[in-house]
């Protein structure tokens, strides 16, 4: 009996997460849609099911350990392993203020979702990813997390001098690299994806890219072959500088 590939996507009921789910579902994956809101998760899964895809909603709030543990238990009981984890859930609370005007509470809230939540989900799902034939972890990062690009005044978003969101994504990049180093002698691969400036709720729908475009690099990294890279940071055109 062939192995049915499974993917868990956090923040999957809308935006880039939902489009990633749709594209991986079209490739034959059973898609587990992590969502904080149960009804929104069910609605998103129903829309994908109507397209003929295999989609199941999972209540998962990356800032709530109990929901993370419960989701991991459901996956273990129903599937026994997990082929792909896509850490897509993200948040931004700073409202465009300069670093000196940022509230400590907003910095902490941003890291709670974007970094600590991502770590908690990854740690909880690792045992299931290790059981898969060739586990893949894709952490959705941002070009704003590139210290090289943000220090290059000729780069596209170098003038975006905000602290919380970019620094949380820089931390995600570091986490990606360290996990990749730990598991470099195993089939498991960890990579970070830069989806670009995309029109989503997070950007106030100001981005110039569609979610369907943004999802492409994530899908690519989620389906890497055995000889594919690990411990890298990529957009659709190739490596992004750290």
C-alpha atoms as a PDB file:
ATOM      1  CA  UNK A   1       0.000   0.000   0.000  1.00  0.00           C
ATOM      2  CA  UNK A   2       1.581   3.349  -1.029  1.00  0.00           C
ATOM      3  CA  UNK A   3       2.448   5.872   1.642  1.00  0.00           C
ATOM      4  CA  UNK A   4      -0.081   8.713   1.790  1.00  0.00           C
ATOM      5  CA  UNK A   5       1.812  11.938   2.338  1.00  0.00           C
ATOM      6  CA  UNK A   6       0.572  14.326   5.015  1.00  0.00           C
ATOM      7  CA  UNK A   7       1.294  18.004   5.559  1.00  0.00           C
ATOM      8  CA  UNK A   8       0.405  20.211   8.511  1.00  0.00           C
ATOM      9  CA  UNK A   9       0.190  23.931   7.805  1.00  0.00           C
ATOM     10  CA  UNK A  10      -0.236  26.418  10.637  1.00  0.00           C
ATOM     11  CA  UNK A  11      -2.416  29.448   9.958  1.00  0.00           C
ATOM     12  CA  UNK A  12      -3.895  27.598   7.003  1.00  0.00           C
ATOM     13  CA  UNK A  13      -7.456  28.900   6.876  1.00  0.00           C
ATOM     14  CA  UNK A  14      -6.562  31.962   4.778  1.00  0.00           C
ATOM     15  CA  UNK A  15      -3.883  33.754   2.786  1.00  0.00           C
ATOM     16  CA  UNK A  16      -0.595  32.100   1.954  1.00  0.00           C
ATOM     17  CA  UNK A  17      -1.298  29.151   4.239  1.00  0.00           C
ATOM     18  CA  UNK A  18      -4.559  28.339   2.505  1.00  0.00           C
ATOM     19  CA  UNK A  19      -3.069  28.661  -0.979  1.00  0.00           C
ATOM     20  CA  UNK A  20      -0.162  26.435   0.060  1.00  0.00           C
ATOM     21  CA  UNK A  21      -2.682  23.887   1.272  1.00  0.00           C
ATOM     22  CA  UNK A  22      -4.530  24.050  -2.034  1.00  0.00           C
ATOM     23  CA  UNK A  23      -1.370  23.552  -4.098  1.00  0.00           C
ATOM     24  CA  UNK A  24      -0.051  20.667  -1.998  1.00  0.00           C
ATOM     25  CA  UNK A  25      -3.497  19.086  -1.932  1.00  0.00           C
ATOM     26  CA  UNK A  26      -3.468  19.173  -5.728  1.00  0.00           C
ATOM     27  CA  UNK A  27      -0.225  17.173  -5.575  1.00  0.00           C
ATOM     28  CA  UNK A  28      -1.948  14.424  -3.618  1.00  0.00           C
ATOM     29  CA  UNK A  29      -1.093  15.398  -0.062  1.00  0.00           C
ATOM     30  CA  UNK A  30      -3.564  14.952   2.769  1.00  0.00           C
ATOM     31  CA  UNK A  31      -3.627  18.501   4.090  1.00  0.00           C
ATOM     32  CA  UNK A  32      -4.089  19.219   7.785  1.00  0.00           C
ATOM     33  CA  UNK A  33      -5.198  22.810   8.189  1.00  0.00           C
ATOM     34  CA  UNK A  34      -4.084  24.296  11.484  1.00  0.00           C
ATOM     35  CA  UNK A  35      -6.344  27.159  12.548  1.00  0.00           C
ATOM     36  CA  UNK A  36      -7.018  28.959  15.828  1.00  0.00           C
ATOM     37  CA  UNK A  37     -10.712  29.299  15.047  1.00  0.00           C
ATOM     38  CA  UNK A  38     -12.525  25.972  14.703  1.00  0.00           C
ATOM     39  CA  UNK A  39     -15.265  27.243  12.396  1.00  0.00           C
ATOM     40  CA  UNK A  40     -12.871  29.025  10.042  1.00  0.00           C
ATOM     41  CA  UNK A  41     -10.748  25.896   9.885  1.00  0.00           C
ATOM     42  CA  UNK A  42     -13.788  23.800   9.000  1.00  0.00           C
ATOM     43  CA  UNK A  43     -14.900  26.268   6.330  1.00  0.00           C
ATOM     44  CA  UNK A  44     -11.446  26.302   4.719  1.00  0.00           C
ATOM     45  CA  UNK A  45     -11.253  22.502   4.730  1.00  0.00           C
ATOM     46  CA  UNK A  46     -14.733  22.275   3.219  1.00  0.00           C
ATOM     47  CA  UNK A  47     -13.741  24.565   0.340  1.00  0.00           C
ATOM     48  CA  UNK A  48     -10.724  22.411  -0.442  1.00  0.00           C
ATOM     49  CA  UNK A  49     -12.779  19.231  -0.183  1.00  0.00           C
ATOM     50  CA  UNK A  50     -15.210  20.662  -2.720  1.00  0.00           C
ATOM     51  CA  UNK A  51     -12.245  20.898  -5.120  1.00  0.00           C
ATOM     52  CA  UNK A  52     -11.657  17.187  -4.658  1.00  0.00           C
ATOM     53  CA  UNK A  53      -8.720  17.567  -2.279  1.00  0.00           C
ATOM     54  CA  UNK A  54      -8.103  15.709   0.980  1.00  0.00           C
ATOM     55  CA  UNK A  55      -8.276  18.327   3.717  1.00  0.00           C
ATOM     56  CA  UNK A  56      -8.865  18.075   7.465  1.00  0.00           C
ATOM     57  CA  UNK A  57      -9.148  20.968   9.939  1.00  0.00           C
ATOM     58  CA  UNK A  58      -7.161  20.958  13.177  1.00  0.00           C
ATOM     59  CA  UNK A  59      -7.570  23.415  16.027  1.00  0.00           C
ATOM     60  CA  UNK A  60      -4.061  24.778  16.523  1.00  0.00           C
ATOM     61  CA  UNK A  61      -3.025  28.025  18.171  1.00  0.00           C
ATOM     62  CA  UNK A  62       0.778  28.262  18.069  1.00  0.00           C
ATOM     63  CA  UNK A  63       0.721  30.311  21.295  1.00  0.00           C
ATOM     64  CA  UNK A  64      -1.278  27.638  23.137  1.00  0.00           C
ATOM     65  CA  UNK A  65       0.725  24.534  24.027  1.00  0.00           C
ATOM     66  CA  UNK A  66      -2.367  22.497  24.831  1.00  0.00           C
ATOM     67  CA  UNK A  67      -3.675  22.866  21.273  1.00  0.00           C
ATOM     68  CA  UNK A  68      -0.241  22.020  19.865  1.00  0.00           C
ATOM     69  CA  UNK A  69      -0.032  18.842  21.931  1.00  0.00           C
ATOM     70  CA  UNK A  70      -3.598  17.878  21.026  1.00  0.00           C
ATOM     71  CA  UNK A  71      -2.897  18.359  17.312  1.00  0.00           C
ATOM     72  CA  UNK A  72       0.247  16.235  17.543  1.00  0.00           C
ATOM     73  CA  UNK A  73      -1.725  13.486  19.260  1.00  0.00           C
ATOM     74  CA  UNK A  74      -4.426  13.509  16.577  1.00  0.00           C
ATOM     75  CA  UNK A  75      -1.818  13.220  13.817  1.00  0.00           C
ATOM     76  CA  UNK A  76      -0.028  10.407  15.644  1.00  0.00           C
ATOM     77  CA  UNK A  77      -3.242   8.445  16.134  1.00  0.00           C
ATOM     78  CA  UNK A  78      -4.653   8.950  12.641  1.00  0.00           C
ATOM     79  CA  UNK A  79      -1.518   8.919  10.472  1.00  0.00           C
ATOM     80  CA  UNK A  80       1.384   7.655  12.579  1.00  0.00           C
ATOM     81  CA  UNK A  81       3.831  10.144  11.038  1.00  0.00           C
ATOM     82  CA  UNK A  82       4.002  13.556   9.369  1.00  0.00           C
ATOM     83  CA  UNK A  83       5.740  14.149   6.051  1.00  0.00           C
ATOM     84  CA  UNK A  84       5.775  17.945   5.982  1.00  0.00           C
ATOM     85  CA  UNK A  85       5.407  20.717   8.539  1.00  0.00           C
ATOM     86  CA  UNK A  86       4.890  24.244   7.258  1.00  0.00           C
ATOM     87  CA  UNK A  87       5.218  26.865   9.969  1.00  0.00           C
ATOM     88  CA  UNK A  88       3.186  29.578   8.291  1.00  0.00           C
ATOM     89  CA  UNK A  89       1.300  31.268  11.156  1.00  0.00           C
ATOM     90  CA  UNK A  90       2.579  34.775  11.767  1.00  0.00           C
ATOM     91  CA  UNK A  91       1.648  38.081  13.343  1.00  0.00           C
ATOM     92  CA  UNK A  92       2.720  41.718  13.383  1.00  0.00           C
ATOM     93  CA  UNK A  93       1.714  44.092  16.175  1.00  0.00           C
ATOM     94  CA  UNK A  94       4.045  47.100  15.906  1.00  0.00           C
ATOM     95  CA  UNK A  95       2.012  49.179  13.471  1.00  0.00           C
ATOM     96  CA  UNK A  96       5.011  50.598  11.609  1.00  0.00           C
ATOM     97  CA  UNK A  97       6.532  52.495  14.543  1.00  0.00           C
ATOM     98  CA  UNK A  98      10.277  53.094  14.740  1.00  0.00           C
ATOM     99  CA  UNK A  99      12.375  50.860  17.035  1.00  0.00           C
ATOM    100  CA  UNK A 100      12.634  53.527  19.747  1.00  0.00           C
ATOM    101  CA  UNK A 101       8.839  53.859  19.863  1.00  0.00           C
ATOM    102  CA  UNK A 102       8.080  50.144  19.943  1.00  0.00           C
ATOM    103  CA  UNK A 103       6.313  48.884  23.043  1.00  0.00           C
ATOM    104  CA  UNK A 104       7.984  45.970  24.790  1.00  0.00           C
ATOM    105  CA  UNK A 105       4.615  44.225  24.985  1.00  0.00           C
ATOM    106  CA  UNK A 106       4.255  44.325  21.183  1.00  0.00           C
ATOM    107  CA  UNK A 107       7.778  42.981  20.720  1.00  0.00           C
ATOM    108  CA  UNK A 108       7.006  40.095  23.069  1.00  0.00           C
ATOM    109  CA  UNK A 109       3.684  39.328  21.376  1.00  0.00           C
ATOM    110  CA  UNK A 110       5.335  39.244  17.962  1.00  0.00           C
ATOM    111  CA  UNK A 111       8.008  36.807  19.117  1.00  0.00           C
ATOM    112  CA  UNK A 112       5.421  34.724  20.963  1.00  0.00           C
ATOM    113  CA  UNK A 113       3.728  33.869  17.663  1.00  0.00           C
ATOM    114  CA  UNK A 114       6.483  34.145  15.085  1.00  0.00           C
ATOM    115  CA  UNK A 115       9.347  32.526  16.983  1.00  0.00           C
ATOM    116  CA  UNK A 116       8.371  30.803  20.232  1.00  0.00           C
ATOM    117  CA  UNK A 117       5.175  29.419  18.718  1.00  0.00           C
ATOM    118  CA  UNK A 118       7.069  28.148  15.693  1.00  0.00           C
ATOM    119  CA  UNK A 119       9.613  26.482  17.975  1.00  0.00           C
ATOM    120  CA  UNK A 120       6.887  24.877  20.092  1.00  0.00           C
ATOM    121  CA  UNK A 121       5.108  23.424  17.063  1.00  0.00           C
ATOM    122  CA  UNK A 122       8.348  22.145  15.533  1.00  0.00           C
ATOM    123  CA  UNK A 123       9.444  20.488  18.773  1.00  0.00           C
ATOM    124  CA  UNK A 124       6.060  18.810  19.273  1.00  0.00           C
ATOM    125  CA  UNK A 125       5.928  17.459  15.706  1.00  0.00           C
ATOM    126  CA  UNK A 126       9.568  16.351  15.416  1.00  0.00           C
ATOM    127  CA  UNK A 127       8.929  12.761  16.547  1.00  0.00           C
ATOM    128  CA  UNK A 128       6.323  12.369  13.788  1.00  0.00           C
ATOM    129  CA  UNK A 129       8.522  14.042  11.165  1.00  0.00           C
ATOM    130  CA  UNK A 130      11.387  11.706  12.031  1.00  0.00           C
ATOM    131  CA  UNK A 131       9.095   8.715  11.470  1.00  0.00           C
ATOM    132  CA  UNK A 132       8.299   9.864   7.922  1.00  0.00           C
ATOM    133  CA  UNK A 133      10.434   8.531   5.045  1.00  0.00           C
ATOM    134  CA  UNK A 134      11.762  11.999   4.190  1.00  0.00           C
ATOM    135  CA  UNK A 135      10.427  14.717   6.491  1.00  0.00           C
ATOM    136  CA  UNK A 136      10.447  18.342   5.383  1.00  0.00           C
ATOM    137  CA  UNK A 137      10.040  21.477   7.512  1.00  0.00           C
ATOM    138  CA  UNK A 138       9.432  24.836   5.845  1.00  0.00           C
ATOM    139  CA  UNK A 139       9.526  27.932   8.027  1.00  0.00           C
ATOM    140  CA  UNK A 140       7.842  30.912   6.413  1.00  0.00           C
ATOM    141  CA  UNK A 141      10.233  33.800   6.915  1.00  0.00           C
ATOM    142  CA  UNK A 142      10.555  37.176   5.191  1.00  0.00           C
ATOM    143  CA  UNK A 143      13.073  39.202   3.251  1.00  0.00           C
ATOM    144  CA  UNK A 144      12.759  41.655   6.151  1.00  0.00           C
ATOM    145  CA  UNK A 145      14.521  39.037   8.252  1.00  0.00           C
ATOM    146  CA  UNK A 146      17.638  39.215   6.076  1.00  0.00           C
ATOM    147  CA  UNK A 147      20.301  41.276   7.842  1.00  0.00           C
ATOM    148  CA  UNK A 148      22.179  41.538   4.557  1.00  0.00           C
ATOM    149  CA  UNK A 149      19.213  43.018   2.701  1.00  0.00           C
ATOM    150  CA  UNK A 150      18.087  45.288   5.543  1.00  0.00           C
ATOM    151  CA  UNK A 151      21.599  46.770   5.825  1.00  0.00           C
ATOM    152  CA  UNK A 152      21.810  47.363   2.063  1.00  0.00           C
ATOM    153  CA  UNK A 153      20.322  50.791   1.434  1.00  0.00           C
ATOM    154  CA  UNK A 154      19.728  49.908  -2.223  1.00  0.00           C
ATOM    155  CA  UNK A 155      17.578  46.881  -1.316  1.00  0.00           C
ATOM    156  CA  UNK A 156      13.822  47.026  -1.918  1.00  0.00           C
ATOM    157  CA  UNK A 157      12.680  47.360   1.691  1.00  0.00           C
ATOM    158  CA  UNK A 158      15.794  48.789   3.341  1.00  0.00           C
ATOM    159  CA  UNK A 159      13.841  51.867   4.445  1.00  0.00           C
ATOM    160  CA  UNK A 160      11.367  49.731   6.422  1.00  0.00           C
ATOM    161  CA  UNK A 161      13.034  50.462   9.752  1.00  0.00           C
ATOM    162  CA  UNK A 162      10.827  48.475  12.113  1.00  0.00           C
ATOM    163  CA  UNK A 163      12.038  46.047  14.746  1.00  0.00           C
ATOM    164  CA  UNK A 164       9.589  43.416  15.963  1.00  0.00           C
ATOM    165  CA  UNK A 165       8.511  41.583  12.822  1.00  0.00           C
ATOM    166  CA  UNK A 166      11.896  41.628  11.006  1.00  0.00           C
ATOM    167  CA  UNK A 167      13.860  40.554  14.082  1.00  0.00           C
ATOM    168  CA  UNK A 168      11.421  37.722  14.761  1.00  0.00           C
ATOM    169  CA  UNK A 169      12.012  36.447  11.225  1.00  0.00           C
ATOM    170  CA  UNK A 170      15.789  36.774  11.648  1.00  0.00           C
ATOM    171  CA  UNK A 171      15.381  34.553  14.692  1.00  0.00           C
ATOM    172  CA  UNK A 172      13.338  32.099  12.600  1.00  0.00           C
ATOM    173  CA  UNK A 173      16.185  31.964  10.085  1.00  0.00           C
ATOM    174  CA  UNK A 174      18.637  31.146  12.863  1.00  0.00           C
ATOM    175  CA  UNK A 175      16.351  28.428  14.214  1.00  0.00           C
ATOM    176  CA  UNK A 176      16.052  26.944  10.728  1.00  0.00           C
ATOM    177  CA  UNK A 177      19.810  26.769  10.337  1.00  0.00           C
ATOM    178  CA  UNK A 178      20.407  25.211  13.762  1.00  0.00           C
ATOM    179  CA  UNK A 179      17.764  22.508  13.340  1.00  0.00           C
ATOM    180  CA  UNK A 180      19.132  21.714   9.891  1.00  0.00           C
ATOM    181  CA  UNK A 181      22.609  21.279  11.361  1.00  0.00           C
ATOM    182  CA  UNK A 182      21.294  18.981  14.082  1.00  0.00           C
ATOM    183  CA  UNK A 183      19.567  16.691  11.578  1.00  0.00           C
ATOM    184  CA  UNK A 184      22.009  17.036   8.678  1.00  0.00           C
ATOM    185  CA  UNK A 185      22.842  13.314   8.759  1.00  0.00           C
ATOM    186  CA  UNK A 186      19.167  12.306   8.510  1.00  0.00           C
ATOM    187  CA  UNK A 187      16.596  12.490   5.694  1.00  0.00           C
ATOM    188  CA  UNK A 188      14.901  15.416   7.499  1.00  0.00           C
ATOM    189  CA  UNK A 189      15.350  18.837   5.875  1.00  0.00           C
ATOM    190  CA  UNK A 190      14.718  22.318   7.285  1.00  0.00           C
ATOM    191  CA  UNK A 191      14.516  25.431   5.104  1.00  0.00           C
ATOM    192  CA  UNK A 192      13.194  28.987   5.369  1.00  0.00           C
ATOM    193  CA  UNK A 193      11.024  30.554   2.673  1.00  0.00           C
ATOM    194  CA  UNK A 194      10.640  34.188   1.674  1.00  0.00           C
ATOM    195  CA  UNK A 195       7.222  34.482   0.003  1.00  0.00           C
ATOM    196  CA  UNK A 196       7.672  38.157  -0.876  1.00  0.00           C
ATOM    197  CA  UNK A 197       5.411  41.152  -0.271  1.00  0.00           C
ATOM    198  CA  UNK A 198       2.035  39.468  -0.552  1.00  0.00           C
ATOM    199  CA  UNK A 199      -1.476  40.825  -0.313  1.00  0.00           C
ATOM    200  CA  UNK A 200      -2.774  39.260   2.923  1.00  0.00           C
ATOM    201  CA  UNK A 201      -4.380  40.354   6.167  1.00  0.00           C
ATOM    202  CA  UNK A 202      -0.892  40.609   7.696  1.00  0.00           C
ATOM    203  CA  UNK A 203       0.151  43.278   5.186  1.00  0.00           C
ATOM    204  CA  UNK A 204      -3.201  45.034   5.271  1.00  0.00           C
ATOM    205  CA  UNK A 205      -3.677  43.677   1.732  1.00  0.00           C
ATOM    206  CA  UNK A 206      -1.064  46.146   0.480  1.00  0.00           C
ATOM    207  CA  UNK A 207       1.289  43.568  -1.029  1.00  0.00           C
ATOM    208  CA  UNK A 208       1.741  43.384  -4.778  1.00  0.00           C
ATOM    209  CA  UNK A 209       2.016  39.573  -4.922  1.00  0.00           C
ATOM    210  CA  UNK A 210      -0.842  37.094  -4.887  1.00  0.00           C
ATOM    211  CA  UNK A 211      -0.993  34.275  -2.349  1.00  0.00           C
ATOM    212  CA  UNK A 212      -0.819  31.792  -5.216  1.00  0.00           C
ATOM    213  CA  UNK A 213       2.579  33.245  -6.216  1.00  0.00           C
ATOM    214  CA  UNK A 214       3.842  33.396  -2.643  1.00  0.00           C
ATOM    215  CA  UNK A 215       2.964  29.755  -2.017  1.00  0.00           C
ATOM    216  CA  UNK A 216       5.142  28.468  -4.851  1.00  0.00           C
ATOM    217  CA  UNK A 217       8.487  28.651  -3.019  1.00  0.00           C
ATOM    218  CA  UNK A 218       6.925  27.043   0.056  1.00  0.00           C
ATOM    219  CA  UNK A 219       5.530  24.170  -2.010  1.00  0.00           C
ATOM    220  CA  UNK A 220       8.910  23.763  -3.714  1.00  0.00           C
ATOM    221  CA  UNK A 221      10.732  23.462  -0.390  1.00  0.00           C
ATOM    222  CA  UNK A 222       8.060  21.143   0.989  1.00  0.00           C
ATOM    223  CA  UNK A 223       8.606  18.688  -1.856  1.00  0.00           C
ATOM    224  CA  UNK A 224      12.394  18.725  -2.157  1.00  0.00           C
ATOM    225  CA  UNK A 225      14.025  15.534  -3.415  1.00  0.00           C
ATOM    226  CA  UNK A 226      16.649  13.646  -1.410  1.00  0.00           C
ATOM    227  CA  UNK A 227      19.474  15.665  -2.991  1.00  0.00           C
ATOM    228  CA  UNK A 228      17.772  18.977  -2.181  1.00  0.00           C
ATOM    229  CA  UNK A 229      19.251  21.589   0.168  1.00  0.00           C
ATOM    230  CA  UNK A 230      18.782  21.938   3.902  1.00  0.00           C
ATOM    231  CA  UNK A 231      19.550  24.849   6.192  1.00  0.00           C
ATOM    232  CA  UNK A 232      18.904  27.473   3.529  1.00  0.00           C
ATOM    233  CA  UNK A 233      16.822  30.598   2.984  1.00  0.00           C
ATOM    234  CA  UNK A 234      15.104  30.817  -0.393  1.00  0.00           C
ATOM    235  CA  UNK A 235      12.645  32.759  -2.485  1.00  0.00           C
ATOM    236  CA  UNK A 236      11.310  31.667  -5.868  1.00  0.00           C
ATOM    237  CA  UNK A 237      14.488  32.868  -7.576  1.00  0.00           C
ATOM    238  CA  UNK A 238      16.927  30.983  -5.367  1.00  0.00           C
ATOM    239  CA  UNK A 239      18.929  31.647  -2.175  1.00  0.00           C
ATOM    240  CA  UNK A 240      18.263  34.773  -0.124  1.00  0.00           C
ATOM    241  CA  UNK A 241      21.240  36.211   1.816  1.00  0.00           C
ATOM    242  CA  UNK A 242      21.164  35.856   5.566  1.00  0.00           C
END
